[in-house]
Protein backbone atom coordinates (compact mmCIF):
# COMPACT_ATOMS: atom_id res chain seq x y z
CA GLN A 1 153.34 -94.31 76.86
CA VAL A 2 153.99 -92.03 73.89
CA LEU A 3 156.25 -94.65 72.30
CA LEU A 4 153.50 -97.25 72.66
CA GLY A 5 150.86 -95.03 71.05
CA GLY A 6 148.93 -96.89 68.37
CA LEU A 7 150.17 -100.29 69.57
CA GLY A 8 146.64 -101.71 69.85
CA PRO A 9 145.60 -101.00 66.24
CA THR A 10 149.01 -102.18 65.04
CA VAL A 11 148.75 -105.55 66.80
CA VAL A 12 145.10 -106.12 65.91
CA GLY A 13 145.32 -104.72 62.37
CA TYR A 14 148.45 -106.48 61.24
CA GLY A 15 147.53 -109.62 63.15
CA LEU A 16 144.23 -109.89 61.28
CA GLU A 17 145.87 -108.84 58.03
CA GLY A 18 148.54 -111.51 58.31
CA ALA A 19 146.11 -114.24 59.31
CA VAL A 20 143.74 -113.41 56.46
CA LYS A 21 146.55 -113.00 53.92
CA PHE A 22 148.33 -116.28 54.60
CA GLY A 23 145.17 -118.25 55.38
CA LEU A 24 143.22 -117.12 52.34
CA TYR A 25 146.20 -117.57 50.04
CA GLU A 26 146.72 -121.19 51.05
CA SER A 27 142.98 -121.90 50.96
CA LEU A 28 142.39 -120.31 47.56
CA LYS A 29 145.40 -121.77 45.71
CA PRO A 30 143.82 -125.20 45.13
CA GLN A 31 140.42 -123.66 44.44
CA PHE A 32 141.75 -121.41 41.68
CA ALA A 33 143.85 -124.29 40.31
CA ILE A 34 140.73 -126.45 39.98
CA LEU A 35 138.78 -123.53 38.50
CA LEU A 36 141.46 -122.84 35.89
CA TYR A 37 142.81 -126.29 35.11
CA GLY A 38 140.23 -128.76 36.37
CA GLN A 39 140.76 -131.64 38.76
CA GLU A 40 143.80 -132.90 36.85
CA GLY A 41 145.69 -129.67 37.43
CA GLY A 42 147.82 -127.66 35.04
CA ALA A 43 151.42 -127.53 33.92
CA SER A 44 152.09 -124.31 35.80
CA PRO A 45 150.18 -123.23 38.91
CA ALA A 46 151.55 -119.66 38.76
CA THR A 47 148.28 -118.12 37.50
CA ALA A 48 146.27 -119.80 40.26
CA TYR A 49 148.82 -118.63 42.83
CA LEU A 50 148.66 -115.08 41.46
CA LEU A 51 144.86 -114.93 41.60
CA ALA A 52 144.82 -116.37 45.12
CA SER A 53 147.37 -113.80 46.30
CA VAL A 54 145.49 -110.86 44.75
CA VAL A 55 142.23 -111.85 46.45
CA ALA A 56 144.02 -112.49 49.75
CA GLY A 57 145.82 -109.14 49.56
CA ALA A 58 142.60 -107.26 48.77
CA VAL A 59 140.65 -108.85 51.65
CA ALA A 60 143.57 -108.27 54.03
CA SER A 61 143.65 -104.60 52.97
CA LEU A 62 139.98 -104.31 53.87
CA MET A 63 140.79 -105.57 57.37
CA LEU A 64 143.85 -103.36 57.77
CA CYS A 65 142.58 -100.02 56.43
CA PRO A 66 140.50 -98.87 59.45
CA MET A 67 143.16 -100.13 61.88
CA GLU A 68 145.89 -98.20 60.07
CA LYS A 69 143.86 -95.00 60.09
CA THR A 70 143.20 -95.46 63.81
CA ARG A 71 146.88 -96.16 64.51
CA ILE A 72 148.06 -93.05 62.71
CA ARG A 73 145.48 -90.90 64.51
CA LEU A 74 146.60 -92.22 67.91
CA VAL A 75 150.28 -91.72 67.07
CA THR A 76 149.84 -88.17 65.79
CA ASP A 77 147.37 -87.20 68.54
CA PRO A 78 147.93 -89.22 71.77
CA THR A 79 145.05 -87.37 73.45
CA PHE A 80 142.56 -88.48 70.78
CA ALA A 81 141.43 -91.57 72.72
CA ASN A 82 142.54 -94.01 75.40
CA GLY A 83 142.80 -97.08 73.19
CA LEU A 84 141.76 -98.94 70.07
CA ILE A 85 138.03 -99.34 70.78
CA SER A 86 137.45 -95.77 71.93
CA ALA A 87 139.56 -94.37 69.09
CA LEU A 88 137.74 -96.40 66.45
CA LYS A 89 134.36 -95.41 67.89
CA ARG A 90 135.31 -91.72 67.89
CA LEU A 91 136.57 -91.92 64.30
CA LEU A 92 133.29 -93.52 63.23
CA ASP A 93 131.30 -90.85 65.07
CA GLU A 94 133.32 -87.94 63.69
CA GLU A 95 134.11 -89.07 60.15
CA GLY A 96 131.63 -91.83 59.34
CA LEU A 97 132.18 -95.31 57.96
CA PHE A 98 133.04 -94.09 54.46
CA ASN A 99 135.99 -92.00 55.59
CA ILE A 100 137.37 -94.86 57.67
CA PHE A 101 137.98 -96.68 54.39
CA LYS A 102 138.94 -93.63 52.35
CA GLY A 103 142.55 -94.76 52.19
CA MET A 104 141.55 -98.07 50.59
CA PRO A 105 142.89 -97.35 47.06
CA ALA A 106 146.27 -96.39 48.50
CA MET A 107 146.22 -99.42 50.81
CA LEU A 108 145.46 -101.71 47.85
CA SER A 109 148.28 -100.15 45.82
CA LYS A 110 150.69 -101.30 48.50
CA GLN A 111 149.20 -104.52 49.86
CA VAL A 112 148.20 -106.28 46.64
CA PRO A 113 151.65 -106.00 44.95
CA TYR A 114 153.24 -106.78 48.33
CA THR A 115 151.16 -109.92 48.74
CA PHE A 116 151.50 -111.42 45.28
CA SER A 117 155.21 -110.66 44.98
CA LYS A 118 155.88 -112.12 48.42
CA GLN A 119 153.63 -115.17 48.38
CA VAL A 120 153.86 -116.19 44.74
CA SER A 121 157.58 -115.57 44.31
CA PHE A 122 158.27 -117.51 47.53
CA ASP A 123 156.38 -120.49 46.08
CA ILE A 124 158.17 -120.22 42.74
CA PHE A 125 161.67 -119.62 44.13
CA ALA A 126 161.28 -122.51 46.55
CA GLY A 127 160.20 -124.80 43.72
CA VAL A 128 163.18 -123.76 41.59
CA LEU A 129 165.61 -124.30 44.47
CA TYR A 130 164.15 -127.73 45.29
CA THR A 131 164.49 -128.72 41.62
CA ALA A 132 168.10 -127.54 41.58
CA ALA A 133 168.79 -129.47 44.78
CA ALA A 134 167.23 -132.63 43.31
CA ASN A 135 169.38 -132.29 40.19
CA ALA A 136 172.41 -132.10 42.48
CA ASN A 137 171.28 -135.31 44.21
CA PHE A 138 170.15 -133.65 47.45
CA ALA A 139 167.02 -134.94 49.14
CA ALA A 140 164.33 -132.31 49.77
CA ALA A 141 164.32 -133.10 53.51
CA ASP A 142 168.05 -132.39 53.72
CA VAL A 143 167.86 -128.89 52.24
CA LYS A 144 164.44 -127.67 53.40
CA TYR A 145 165.81 -124.98 55.72
CA GLU A 146 168.36 -123.74 53.18
CA VAL A 147 165.67 -123.61 50.50
CA SER A 148 163.24 -121.84 52.82
CA VAL A 149 165.74 -119.13 53.77
CA GLY A 150 167.02 -118.67 50.22
CA ALA A 151 163.55 -118.46 48.68
CA ALA A 152 162.35 -116.12 51.41
CA PHE A 153 165.32 -113.80 50.90
CA LEU A 154 164.75 -113.62 47.14
CA ALA A 155 161.02 -113.08 47.65
CA SER A 156 161.74 -110.24 50.08
CA ILE A 157 163.70 -108.37 47.41
CA LEU A 158 160.88 -108.56 44.88
CA SER A 159 158.30 -107.72 47.51
CA CYS A 160 160.15 -104.60 48.65
CA ILE A 161 160.55 -103.32 45.09
CA SER A 162 156.99 -104.01 43.93
CA SER A 163 155.25 -102.61 47.02
CA HIS A 164 157.44 -99.57 47.63
CA PRO A 165 155.62 -97.17 45.26
CA GLY A 166 152.36 -98.10 46.98
CA ASP A 167 153.96 -97.58 50.38
CA VAL A 168 155.07 -94.07 49.34
CA VAL A 169 151.55 -93.29 48.10
CA LEU A 170 149.96 -94.72 51.25
CA THR A 171 152.23 -92.67 53.52
CA ALA A 172 151.50 -89.49 51.54
CA THR A 173 147.76 -90.22 51.60
CA TYR A 174 147.57 -90.53 55.37
CA LYS A 175 149.91 -87.56 55.84
CA GLN A 176 147.65 -85.44 53.64
CA ALA A 177 144.53 -86.65 55.46
CA GLN A 178 146.08 -85.86 58.84
CA SER A 179 147.07 -82.39 57.65
CA SER A 180 143.49 -81.80 56.53
CA ASN A 181 142.18 -82.92 59.92
CA SER A 182 144.42 -80.43 61.69
CA ILE A 183 143.06 -77.60 59.55
CA SER A 184 139.38 -78.43 59.85
CA THR A 185 137.40 -80.19 62.54
CA ASP A 186 134.37 -80.64 60.30
CA GLY A 187 134.18 -84.36 59.59
CA ASP A 188 132.19 -83.82 56.37
CA ALA A 189 134.37 -81.06 54.97
CA HIS A 190 136.59 -83.50 53.10
CA ALA A 191 133.97 -86.06 52.15
CA SER A 192 133.25 -84.44 48.78
CA ALA A 193 136.43 -85.85 47.22
CA THR A 194 136.13 -89.54 46.52
CA ALA A 195 138.78 -92.02 47.60
CA SER A 196 139.83 -92.55 43.97
CA ASP A 197 140.10 -88.78 43.42
CA GLU A 198 142.38 -88.42 46.45
CA PHE A 199 144.47 -91.39 45.36
CA THR A 200 144.91 -89.96 41.86
CA GLN A 201 145.83 -86.54 43.27
CA VAL A 202 148.43 -87.99 45.63
CA VAL A 203 150.03 -90.00 42.82
CA ALA A 204 150.06 -86.89 40.57
CA ASP A 205 151.60 -84.74 43.34
CA ILE A 206 154.40 -87.23 43.95
CA TYR A 207 155.16 -87.50 40.24
CA GLN A 208 155.08 -83.74 39.66
CA THR A 209 157.35 -82.90 42.61
CA ARG A 210 159.77 -85.83 42.53
CA GLY A 211 159.30 -87.67 39.25
CA ILE A 212 159.32 -91.46 38.91
CA GLY A 213 162.18 -91.65 41.39
CA GLY A 214 159.88 -90.22 44.03
CA PHE A 215 157.99 -93.50 44.18
CA PHE A 216 161.18 -95.27 45.21
CA THR A 217 162.41 -92.81 47.85
CA GLY A 218 163.80 -94.72 50.83
CA LEU A 219 163.94 -98.06 49.01
CA SER A 220 167.42 -98.91 50.32
CA ALA A 221 166.24 -98.53 53.92
CA ARG A 222 163.18 -100.65 53.09
CA PHE A 223 165.43 -103.46 51.84
CA VAL A 224 167.09 -103.63 55.25
CA HIS A 225 164.03 -103.13 57.43
CA VAL A 226 161.16 -104.76 55.56
CA GLY A 227 163.40 -107.27 53.80
CA ALA A 228 164.50 -108.74 57.12
CA ILE A 229 160.89 -108.89 58.34
CA ILE A 230 159.65 -110.61 55.18
CA THR A 231 162.47 -113.15 55.17
CA SER A 232 161.93 -114.16 58.80
CA GLN A 233 158.14 -114.12 58.31
CA LEU A 234 158.22 -116.46 55.31
CA VAL A 235 160.68 -118.86 56.94
CA LEU A 236 158.48 -119.04 60.04
CA TYR A 237 155.41 -119.48 57.84
CA ASP A 238 157.05 -122.42 56.05
CA ILE A 239 158.11 -124.04 59.32
CA VAL A 240 154.61 -123.71 60.82
CA LYS A 241 153.08 -125.21 57.66
CA GLN A 242 155.28 -128.27 58.01
CA LEU A 243 154.58 -128.58 61.73
CA LEU A 244 150.88 -128.65 60.86
CA GLY A 245 151.48 -131.52 58.45
CA LEU A 246 151.31 -129.47 55.25
CA PRO A 247 153.95 -129.90 52.53
CA ALA A 248 156.86 -127.48 52.49
CA THR A 249 156.51 -124.50 50.18
CA GLY A 250 157.71 -125.37 46.69
CA THR A 251 157.32 -129.15 47.04
CA HIS A 252 153.74 -129.43 45.74
């Protein structure tokens, strides 16, 4: 039971986050392309892809933030509540709606770079690989799995690097918040500092104690862990797109 603590918020939070992130990204790409280039399109869709990914990442962060705070509270204090609904209700009662989203700047610092580096680079790498395959006289249908895996692997590297500083800041933010909760039970005692103030302080603390390198602590382990997740996630995403009748990533 202890090992499964926080499972509910994890499943719900990351499920919603993933659905919103991938769904919004695909939906907004053509809209931003039309907005920027008109109906005829532009020479390079990268800017439209980037804007779509930033919006998708920001909205997904909004969905994930309260779930992540609830998950961490349940993991660090298994007696806090019996499940997701009761834990979320108690957090709202004790800390208020504002504090539920107090980690939003830190969440954005991780999720937005993570989303645009993963989604956009996957599109671009896939397009480059399909072009290279065509120049070598390979049909797109014959190399779609190889391209999908290769592009996903390359995207995972960029995504791990770009989002790792934000992940370090996010971890430190929630660790600091949890430490504050253990010292004081007054839900309003820490409301005076704004979310941006806390974010700035956490970033300053990391830099002062560990320097620039502190923002990349544990990156090698992240390559193995998160890199494998991102690669498999993007390959599955590309397969599902094609099963739904959508063009493969990088072919449009």
